[in-house]
Amino acid sequence: MPITEKQKRWLKKQVHHLKPVVTVGQHGITDPVLNEIDIALAHHELIKVRVNAGDREERETSVGLIRDRMRADLIARIGNVAAFYRHNPKKHQPLEVPDL
């Protein structure tokens, strides 16, 4: 179920103070990096990822690959940092997103 614009705005407010939990380095998107992102999304639901790719097109490709592979919603992208959200139904205290 895709999130609404209202929910996306609320999530942008929540992610603003967070620091990136995963950094994509010079080797790009590898299986271990995707595994760490998957673990972080399962635990936190809302994360920031720093993508240190060469140029803008490479960063956009990397962000799109993360979004597709992790089945996460892209909340915001500013420069090298992208914020992702993926609901975890097994989490004891789910992230309280309005109208979800």
Protein backbone atom coordinates (compact mmCIF):
# COMPACT_ATOMS: atom_id res chain seq x y z
CA MET A 1 0.00 0.00 0.00
CA PRO A 2 1.68 3.25 -1.10
CA ILE A 3 1.88 6.10 1.36
CA THR A 4 -0.01 9.34 0.83
CA GLU A 5 1.51 12.81 0.44
CA LYS A 6 0.29 13.69 3.95
CA GLN A 7 2.10 10.68 5.37
CA LYS A 8 5.21 11.51 3.36
CA ARG A 9 5.27 15.06 4.78
CA TRP A 10 4.93 13.67 8.31
CA LEU A 11 7.77 11.20 7.70
CA LYS A 12 10.01 13.98 6.34
CA LYS A 13 9.61 15.77 9.67
CA GLN A 14 10.52 12.59 11.55
CA VAL A 15 13.59 11.80 9.45
CA HIS A 16 15.03 15.32 9.55
CA HIS A 17 17.02 14.83 12.78
CA LEU A 18 18.30 11.32 11.94
CA LYS A 19 21.84 10.60 10.84
CA PRO A 20 22.63 8.19 7.96
CA VAL A 21 22.87 4.61 9.25
CA VAL A 22 24.35 3.11 6.06
CA THR A 23 26.92 4.59 3.69
CA VAL A 24 27.29 3.36 0.12
CA GLY A 25 30.97 3.67 -0.69
CA GLN A 26 33.16 3.59 -3.77
CA HIS A 27 32.20 0.01 -4.67
CA GLY A 28 28.54 1.00 -5.04
CA ILE A 29 25.52 -1.14 -4.23
CA THR A 30 26.75 -4.60 -3.26
CA ASP A 31 24.94 -7.49 -1.60
CA PRO A 32 26.44 -6.76 1.85
CA VAL A 33 25.34 -3.12 1.57
CA LEU A 34 21.82 -4.18 0.60
CA ASN A 35 21.81 -6.63 3.51
CA GLU A 36 22.72 -3.84 5.96
CA ILE A 37 20.01 -1.59 4.53
CA ASP A 38 17.49 -4.42 4.85
CA ILE A 39 18.45 -5.00 8.50
CA ALA A 40 18.27 -1.28 9.27
CA LEU A 41 14.83 -0.94 7.64
CA ALA A 42 13.53 -3.98 9.51
CA HIS A 43 14.72 -2.55 12.81
CA HIS A 44 14.08 1.18 12.39
CA GLU A 45 11.52 1.38 9.55
CA LEU A 46 12.70 4.94 8.74
CA ILE A 47 16.37 5.42 7.82
CA LYS A 48 18.79 7.67 5.97
CA VAL A 49 21.38 6.29 3.55
CA ARG A 50 24.41 8.25 2.32
CA VAL A 51 25.27 7.46 -1.31
CA ASN A 52 28.84 8.48 -2.15
CA ALA A 53 28.69 7.87 -5.90
CA GLY A 54 30.58 9.74 -8.58
CA ASP A 55 27.93 11.92 -10.18
CA ARG A 56 24.23 12.74 -9.95
CA GLU A 57 23.13 10.03 -12.39
CA GLU A 58 24.99 7.33 -10.47
CA ARG A 59 23.39 8.50 -7.21
CA GLU A 60 19.91 8.49 -8.76
CA THR A 61 20.50 4.98 -10.10
CA SER A 62 21.73 3.78 -6.69
CA VAL A 63 18.77 5.33 -4.86
CA GLY A 64 16.34 3.77 -7.35
CA LEU A 65 18.01 0.38 -6.95
CA ILE A 66 17.75 0.57 -3.15
CA ARG A 67 14.08 1.60 -3.37
CA ASP A 68 13.22 -1.26 -5.74
CA ARG A 69 15.25 -4.01 -4.07
CA MET A 70 14.16 -3.10 -0.53
CA ARG A 71 10.55 -2.39 -1.55
CA ALA A 72 10.78 0.82 0.44
CA ASP A 73 9.27 4.24 -0.11
CA LEU A 74 11.65 7.07 -0.93
CA ILE A 75 10.72 9.84 1.50
CA ALA A 76 13.29 12.49 0.61
CA ARG A 77 16.56 12.90 -1.26
CA ILE A 78 18.88 15.82 -0.69
CA GLY A 79 22.31 15.69 -2.28
CA ASN A 80 24.05 12.46 -1.27
CA VAL A 81 21.50 11.49 1.40
CA ALA A 82 18.24 9.63 0.79
CA ALA A 83 15.56 8.71 3.34
CA PHE A 84 13.59 5.47 3.04
CA TYR A 85 10.56 4.06 4.86
CA ARG A 86 9.36 0.47 4.95
CA HIS A 87 6.65 -0.65 7.35
CA ASN A 88 7.50 -3.67 9.49
CA PRO A 89 4.29 -5.49 10.53
CA LYS A 90 6.23 -7.60 13.10
CA LYS A 91 7.45 -4.57 15.04
CA HIS A 92 5.98 -4.36 18.54
CA GLN A 93 5.52 -0.60 18.48
CA PRO A 94 4.90 0.39 14.86
CA LEU A 95 5.89 3.80 13.65
CA GLU A 96 2.80 5.92 14.08
CA VAL A 97 2.17 7.37 10.67
CA PRO A 98 -1.16 9.20 10.34
CA ASP A 99 -3.74 7.38 8.19
CA LEU A 100 -1.63 4.29 7.61
